């Protein structure tokens, strides 16, 4: 059965990269003059030639986002269930070769974490775990969903790639969205970052969103790990993937996240530096290309950047995040997957959103809608 792989194989990394960097100011101006834009236009908006037009891009992004989503920001919190992992990935604190204490939350501990998140006001939770197929697997995720389903109207997951049948079971259990990141679409170097474990299988991970789409999950979230390879080229391939998915599973919603590589225990530094101006350009390029795409900004980003990006294209933000299992109350000292940058409280971030003239939204979905 056809998957994104057949589309992906029609493109060459080096050719796309060359085309991006060969874009001209004239091409940028032609793209900005359009009312609707395609993937070729997105490529131009990613280019260095587009950076002098960033203010114009940001102003249009503001208007497009306001028209489509209103002046609202959806609030969510990650809930890390486990740091057990069978993969060796050079950039992740949970990597198998990182000799640290492993922890997987039991039901009673999950409930303690949930109590804290509910007290903070959250009604949307993102369940996150390392890739440990024998212990933290579909049965564990289904059980965790059962434990929390009466506490949150929206449950999302960011876990190891699963089979279509397993995604169908999550969908039936009440999971609203699934996030999965290819990390990098540069197939020739992918193995360098993923040296051991199931995650080293590039093709299996590449086809994961197809399995999610076929399972009928309401929303699929994509992204690349910004800092592994050239962010412009990787982001083009991520958009290519989104474009394919939207045309193939057209009843599904889509979101994009922008995880910039952050410090973590035992990891390598970024190979490619992406500054705040670069990330702003990337967010604007996505919004100008795709008005319907949800755009999420996590606490990986610093306070100043998150404050300023609110009116430009953002539709959802995390707040008060802990990236270690039990980090809210059960085991605050357990290993983090990465260091967060914005350490402000949930109340502080909600207040900043309000001061910017936007409304923090705590509930945006209910299972009764399906």
Protein backbone atom coordinates (compact mmCIF):
# COMPACT_ATOMS: atom_id res chain seq x y z
CA UNK A 1 0.00 0.00 0.00
CA UNK A 2 1.28 3.46 -0.91
CA UNK A 3 2.87 5.54 1.87
CA UNK A 4 4.82 8.79 2.11
CA UNK A 5 8.00 6.87 1.30
CA UNK A 6 7.08 6.74 -2.40
CA UNK A 7 6.77 10.55 -2.42
CA UNK A 8 9.91 11.05 -0.34
CA UNK A 9 12.01 8.98 -2.74
CA UNK A 10 11.24 11.42 -5.58
CA UNK A 11 13.25 14.15 -3.84
CA UNK A 12 16.97 14.60 -3.26
CA UNK A 13 18.33 16.31 -0.13
CA UNK A 14 21.24 18.05 -1.86
CA UNK A 15 19.10 19.31 -4.73
CA UNK A 16 16.47 20.76 -2.39
CA UNK A 17 19.15 22.37 -0.26
CA UNK A 18 20.76 23.98 -3.31
CA UNK A 19 17.41 25.27 -4.52
CA UNK A 20 16.65 26.84 -1.13
CA UNK A 21 19.96 28.67 -0.97
CA UNK A 22 19.72 29.80 -4.61
CA UNK A 23 16.41 31.61 -4.02
CA UNK A 24 16.43 35.35 -4.81
CA UNK A 25 14.82 38.49 -3.44
CA UNK A 26 12.69 38.71 -6.57
CA UNK A 27 11.30 35.24 -5.91
CA UNK A 28 10.52 36.19 -2.29
CA UNK A 29 8.63 39.29 -3.41
CA UNK A 30 6.64 37.25 -5.94
CA UNK A 31 5.69 34.73 -3.24
CA UNK A 32 4.68 37.43 -0.76
CA UNK A 33 2.42 38.98 -3.40
CA UNK A 34 0.35 35.79 -3.60
CA UNK A 35 -2.85 35.17 -1.65
CA UNK A 36 -2.33 31.39 -1.55
CA UNK A 37 0.98 29.51 -1.58
CA UNK A 38 2.28 26.04 -2.40
CA UNK A 39 5.33 23.99 -1.41
CA UNK A 40 7.52 25.72 -3.98
CA UNK A 41 6.64 29.02 -2.30
CA UNK A 42 7.37 27.55 1.12
CA UNK A 43 10.86 26.65 -0.11
CA UNK A 44 11.48 30.27 -1.09
CA UNK A 45 10.18 31.56 2.26
CA UNK A 46 12.71 29.29 4.03
CA UNK A 47 15.64 30.78 2.14
CA UNK A 48 18.23 33.28 3.41
CA UNK A 49 16.86 35.64 0.76
CA UNK A 50 13.59 35.88 2.72
CA UNK A 51 15.15 37.10 5.98
CA UNK A 52 15.11 40.82 5.04
CA UNK A 53 11.32 40.47 4.59
CA UNK A 54 10.72 39.02 8.05
CA UNK A 55 8.74 41.99 9.37
CA UNK A 56 6.36 41.84 6.41
CA UNK A 57 6.04 38.08 6.81
CA UNK A 58 5.30 38.41 10.53
CA UNK A 59 2.57 41.00 9.98
CA UNK A 60 0.76 38.78 7.49
CA UNK A 61 1.20 35.79 9.81
CA UNK A 62 -0.51 37.71 12.58
CA UNK A 63 -3.51 38.46 10.38
CA UNK A 64 -3.77 34.93 8.95
CA UNK A 65 -3.58 33.30 12.38
CA UNK A 66 -6.12 35.71 13.87
CA UNK A 67 -8.51 35.07 10.98
CA UNK A 68 -8.28 31.27 11.26
CA UNK A 69 -7.80 30.69 15.02
CA UNK A 70 -8.87 33.93 16.68
CA UNK A 71 -6.83 35.46 19.48
CA UNK A 72 -6.51 32.27 21.48
CA UNK A 73 -3.63 30.08 22.69
CA UNK A 74 -4.37 26.46 23.63
CA UNK A 75 -2.59 25.43 26.84
CA UNK A 76 -1.15 21.96 27.44
CA UNK A 77 1.32 20.20 29.72
CA UNK A 78 3.59 17.23 29.05
CA UNK A 79 3.36 14.30 31.47
CA UNK A 80 6.47 12.13 31.25
CA UNK A 81 5.62 8.55 32.09
CA UNK A 82 9.00 6.83 31.71
CA UNK A 83 12.65 7.45 30.85
CA UNK A 84 13.30 3.81 29.99
CA UNK A 85 14.56 3.47 26.43
CA UNK A 86 16.11 0.79 24.23
CA UNK A 87 17.48 3.22 21.65
CA UNK A 88 20.88 4.88 21.51
CA UNK A 89 20.37 8.42 20.20
CA UNK A 90 23.23 10.89 20.42
CA UNK A 91 21.04 13.88 21.33
CA UNK A 92 18.70 12.46 24.01
CA UNK A 93 19.11 12.22 27.77
CA UNK A 94 17.08 9.00 27.80
CA UNK A 95 19.55 7.22 25.47
CA UNK A 96 20.28 3.60 26.46
CA UNK A 97 24.02 4.25 26.81
CA UNK A 98 23.40 7.02 29.34
CA UNK A 99 24.00 5.26 32.66
CA UNK A 100 21.31 6.87 34.78
CA UNK A 101 18.49 5.79 37.05
CA UNK A 102 15.48 4.68 35.04
CA UNK A 103 11.94 5.29 36.22
CA UNK A 104 8.50 4.34 34.99
CA UNK A 105 5.46 5.73 36.77
CA UNK A 106 3.00 3.37 38.44
CA UNK A 107 -0.74 4.10 38.47
CA UNK A 108 -0.62 5.76 41.90
CA UNK A 109 2.26 7.99 40.77
CA UNK A 110 0.48 8.96 37.56
CA UNK A 111 -2.51 10.01 39.67
CA UNK A 112 -0.28 12.17 41.89
CA UNK A 113 1.15 13.94 38.83
CA UNK A 114 -2.35 14.42 37.44
CA UNK A 115 -3.54 16.06 40.66
CA UNK A 116 -0.83 18.70 40.30
CA UNK A 117 -1.64 19.38 36.65
CA UNK A 118 -5.36 19.70 37.39
CA UNK A 119 -4.62 22.12 40.23
CA UNK A 120 -2.64 24.23 37.75
CA UNK A 121 -5.67 24.37 35.46
CA UNK A 122 -4.67 22.00 32.64
CA UNK A 123 -7.30 20.05 30.70
CA UNK A 124 -4.97 18.95 27.88
CA UNK A 125 -2.14 16.55 28.67
CA UNK A 126 0.61 15.17 26.43
CA UNK A 127 1.81 11.73 27.53
CA UNK A 128 5.52 11.22 26.78
CA UNK A 129 7.76 8.18 27.19
CA UNK A 130 11.01 6.69 25.96
CA UNK A 131 10.96 3.75 23.58
CA UNK A 132 11.01 0.60 25.73
CA UNK A 133 8.95 -1.98 23.89
CA UNK A 134 8.96 -4.65 26.61
CA UNK A 135 7.90 -2.50 29.55
CA UNK A 136 6.48 0.79 28.25
CA UNK A 137 4.35 -0.53 25.41
CA UNK A 138 0.80 -0.35 24.05
CA UNK A 139 -0.65 -2.05 27.13
CA UNK A 140 1.09 0.45 29.39
CA UNK A 141 -0.17 3.39 27.30
CA UNK A 142 -3.72 2.05 27.25
CA UNK A 143 -3.61 1.62 31.02
CA UNK A 144 -2.23 5.15 31.53
CA UNK A 145 -4.98 6.53 29.31
CA UNK A 146 -7.58 4.68 31.37
CA UNK A 147 -6.08 6.10 34.59
CA UNK A 148 -6.33 9.72 33.42
CA UNK A 149 -9.23 9.77 30.95
CA UNK A 150 -11.72 11.25 33.43
CA UNK A 151 -9.33 14.07 34.34
CA UNK A 152 -8.57 15.54 30.91
CA UNK A 153 -10.79 16.37 27.95
CA UNK A 154 -7.82 16.13 25.59
CA UNK A 155 -5.17 13.40 25.72
CA UNK A 156 -2.25 13.44 23.29
CA UNK A 157 0.69 11.04 23.13
CA UNK A 158 4.31 11.29 22.04
CA UNK A 159 5.62 7.74 22.30
CA UNK A 160 7.40 5.12 20.20
CA UNK A 161 6.05 4.37 16.71
CA UNK A 162 3.30 1.75 16.89
CA UNK A 163 1.37 -0.44 14.48
CA UNK A 164 -1.87 0.71 12.86
CA UNK A 165 -3.83 -1.70 15.05
CA UNK A 166 -2.21 -0.26 18.18
CA UNK A 167 -3.04 3.29 17.09
CA UNK A 168 -6.64 2.17 16.53
CA UNK A 169 -6.73 0.91 20.10
CA UNK A 170 -5.41 4.24 21.39
CA UNK A 171 -8.02 6.08 19.33
CA UNK A 172 -10.78 3.90 20.78
CA UNK A 173 -9.39 4.52 24.28
CA UNK A 174 -9.81 8.28 23.85
CA UNK A 175 -6.46 9.54 22.57
CA UNK A 176 -7.05 12.70 20.52
CA UNK A 177 -3.68 13.30 18.86
CA UNK A 178 -0.33 11.61 18.25
CA UNK A 179 2.97 13.43 17.84
CA UNK A 180 5.86 11.75 16.07
CA UNK A 181 9.09 13.36 14.90
CA UNK A 182 11.33 12.00 12.16
CA UNK A 183 14.13 13.99 13.91
CA UNK A 184 15.85 14.47 10.52
CA UNK A 185 14.81 13.62 6.97
CA UNK A 186 18.47 13.44 5.89
CA UNK A 187 18.48 9.68 5.34
CA UNK A 188 22.21 9.43 4.63
CA UNK A 189 23.17 10.65 8.12
CA UNK A 190 20.12 9.42 10.08
CA UNK A 191 21.98 6.33 11.31
CA UNK A 192 24.75 8.51 12.74
CA UNK A 193 22.30 9.94 15.27
CA UNK A 194 20.36 6.71 15.89
CA UNK A 195 22.98 4.02 16.31
CA UNK A 196 20.99 1.29 18.06
CA UNK A 197 17.40 0.25 18.65
CA UNK A 198 14.17 0.29 16.65
CA UNK A 199 14.47 4.03 16.09
CA UNK A 200 17.46 3.39 13.82
CA UNK A 201 15.00 2.07 11.20
CA UNK A 202 14.48 5.21 9.09
CA UNK A 203 11.72 3.76 6.89
CA UNK A 204 9.62 2.40 9.75
CA UNK A 205 9.63 5.81 11.42
CA UNK A 206 8.96 7.59 8.11
CA UNK A 207 5.78 5.58 7.56
CA UNK A 208 4.48 6.06 11.12
CA UNK A 209 2.19 9.03 10.30
CA UNK A 210 0.55 6.91 7.59
CA UNK A 211 -0.33 4.30 10.20
CA UNK A 212 -1.69 7.04 12.48
CA UNK A 213 -3.77 8.48 9.64
CA UNK A 214 -5.20 5.08 8.69
CA UNK A 215 -6.14 4.51 12.34
CA UNK A 216 -8.40 7.58 12.28
CA UNK A 217 -6.60 9.62 14.98
CA UNK A 218 -8.07 13.15 15.08
CA UNK A 219 -4.76 15.04 14.89
CA UNK A 220 -1.19 14.24 13.83
CA UNK A 221 1.76 16.34 14.97
CA UNK A 222 5.05 16.45 13.06
CA UNK A 223 8.39 18.17 13.49
CA UNK A 224 12.14 17.81 13.13
CA UNK A 225 14.81 18.19 15.78
CA UNK A 226 16.26 21.55 14.85
CA UNK A 227 20.03 21.42 15.22
CA UNK A 228 20.82 17.98 13.83
CA UNK A 229 20.99 19.01 10.17
CA UNK A 230 20.37 22.14 8.09
CA UNK A 231 17.06 23.44 9.46
CA UNK A 232 15.89 24.88 6.16
CA UNK A 233 16.23 21.63 4.23
CA UNK A 234 14.85 19.47 7.03
CA UNK A 235 11.86 21.77 7.38
CA UNK A 236 11.11 21.58 3.67
CA UNK A 237 10.91 17.79 3.89
CA UNK A 238 8.73 18.07 7.00
CA UNK A 239 6.36 20.33 5.04
CA UNK A 240 6.46 17.87 2.14
CA UNK A 241 5.37 15.18 4.59
CA UNK A 242 2.56 17.36 5.95
CA UNK A 243 1.39 18.20 2.44
CA UNK A 244 1.17 14.51 1.56
CA UNK A 245 -0.69 13.67 4.77
CA UNK A 246 -3.22 16.48 4.39
CA UNK A 247 -4.07 15.33 0.88
CA UNK A 248 -4.21 11.64 1.86
CA UNK A 249 -5.93 11.83 5.28
CA UNK A 250 -7.87 14.99 4.65
CA UNK A 251 -10.25 14.57 7.59
CA UNK A 252 -7.36 14.75 10.07
CA UNK A 253 -6.01 17.90 11.74
CA UNK A 254 -2.30 18.65 11.70
CA UNK A 255 0.17 20.48 13.89
CA UNK A 256 3.86 21.28 13.73
CA UNK A 257 6.32 21.72 16.59
CA UNK A 258 9.79 23.25 16.61
CA UNK A 259 12.04 21.41 19.06
CA UNK A 260 15.42 23.11 19.02
CA UNK A 261 18.17 20.86 20.34
CA UNK A 262 18.61 21.60 24.05
CA UNK A 263 21.30 20.50 26.53
CA UNK A 264 20.75 17.08 28.14
CA UNK A 265 22.80 14.65 30.18
CA UNK A 266 25.36 12.79 28.06
CA UNK A 267 24.40 14.35 24.71
CA UNK A 268 26.30 16.02 21.88
CA UNK A 269 25.96 19.75 21.10
CA UNK A 270 23.98 20.88 18.01
CA UNK A 271 25.68 20.51 14.64
CA UNK A 272 23.74 23.45 13.21
CA UNK A 273 22.92 26.57 15.20
CA UNK A 274 19.48 28.08 14.74
CA UNK A 275 18.96 31.50 16.33
CA UNK A 276 15.69 33.18 17.30
CA UNK A 277 15.45 35.09 14.04
CA UNK A 278 15.77 31.83 12.11
CA UNK A 279 13.01 30.19 14.14
CA UNK A 280 10.74 33.20 13.65
CA UNK A 281 11.29 32.95 9.90
CA UNK A 282 10.45 29.24 9.97
CA UNK A 283 7.22 29.80 11.90
CA UNK A 284 6.22 32.56 9.47
CA UNK A 285 7.01 30.36 6.47
CA UNK A 286 4.74 27.62 7.79
CA UNK A 287 1.87 30.00 8.48
CA UNK A 288 2.13 31.79 5.11
CA UNK A 289 2.11 28.41 3.38
CA UNK A 290 -0.63 26.73 5.44
CA UNK A 291 -3.33 28.75 7.21
CA UNK A 292 -4.90 25.68 8.84
CA UNK A 293 -1.75 24.27 10.43
CA UNK A 294 -1.62 24.37 14.22
CA UNK A 295 1.70 25.72 15.53
CA UNK A 296 3.00 24.70 18.94
CA UNK A 297 5.76 26.36 20.99
CA UNK A 298 7.18 24.49 23.98
CA UNK A 299 9.17 25.54 27.03
CA UNK A 300 12.36 24.61 25.17
CA UNK A 301 12.24 28.25 24.07
CA UNK A 302 13.25 31.19 26.26
CA UNK A 303 10.89 33.67 27.91
CA UNK A 304 11.57 36.57 25.56
CA UNK A 305 11.05 34.51 22.43
CA UNK A 306 7.84 32.93 23.70
CA UNK A 307 6.45 36.31 24.71
CA UNK A 308 7.14 37.81 21.29
CA UNK A 309 5.95 34.87 19.20
CA UNK A 310 2.44 34.80 20.74
CA UNK A 311 0.84 37.19 18.19
CA UNK A 312 2.75 35.94 15.15
CA UNK A 313 1.56 32.42 14.44
CA UNK A 314 1.34 30.37 17.60
CA UNK A 315 -1.81 28.39 18.39
CA UNK A 316 -0.67 26.29 21.40
CA UNK A 317 1.90 26.53 24.19
CA UNK A 318 3.09 24.38 27.05
CA UNK A 319 3.72 25.90 30.47
CA UNK A 320 5.36 24.86 33.73
CA UNK A 321 6.73 21.78 31.97
CA UNK A 322 8.74 18.99 33.58
CA UNK A 323 10.60 16.67 31.19
CA UNK A 324 11.36 13.88 33.66
CA UNK A 325 9.04 11.09 34.85
CA UNK A 326 7.45 12.18 38.11
CA UNK A 327 8.87 15.66 37.69
CA UNK A 328 5.86 17.54 39.03
CA UNK A 329 5.71 15.86 42.45
CA UNK A 330 6.66 12.15 42.54
CA UNK A 331 10.37 12.30 41.70
CA UNK A 332 11.53 15.83 40.84
CA UNK A 333 15.19 14.74 40.70
CA UNK A 334 14.78 12.01 38.06
CA UNK A 335 16.63 12.50 34.79
CA UNK A 336 15.25 15.11 32.37
CA UNK A 337 15.03 14.33 28.68
CA UNK A 338 16.32 17.87 28.07
CA UNK A 339 16.62 21.17 29.93
CA UNK A 340 13.69 23.52 29.57
CA UNK A 341 14.38 27.20 28.98
CA UNK A 342 11.18 28.97 30.07
CA UNK A 343 10.85 28.11 33.76
CA UNK A 344 8.03 30.54 34.60
CA UNK A 345 4.97 29.26 36.40
CA UNK A 346 1.77 28.36 34.59
CA UNK A 347 0.03 31.41 36.07
CA UNK A 348 2.81 33.73 34.87
CA UNK A 349 2.62 32.44 31.30
CA UNK A 350 -1.18 32.59 31.24
CA UNK A 351 -0.96 36.18 32.46
CA UNK A 352 1.54 37.10 29.73
CA UNK A 353 -0.79 35.65 27.10
CA UNK A 354 -3.65 37.74 28.49
CA UNK A 355 -1.52 40.89 28.57
CA UNK A 356 -0.72 40.34 24.89
CA UNK A 357 -4.45 40.54 24.20
CA UNK A 358 -4.94 36.78 23.78
CA UNK A 359 -7.00 34.24 25.67
CA UNK A 360 -5.39 31.12 27.18
CA UNK A 361 -7.72 28.22 26.34
CA UNK A 362 -7.65 25.23 28.69
CA UNK A 363 -10.26 23.09 26.93
CA UNK A 364 -10.60 22.85 23.16
CA UNK A 365 -11.92 19.32 22.61
CA UNK A 366 -14.24 16.80 24.21
CA UNK A 367 -14.48 13.08 23.44
CA UNK A 368 -18.25 13.44 23.03
CA UNK A 369 -17.53 15.33 19.78
CA UNK A 370 -16.22 12.27 17.97
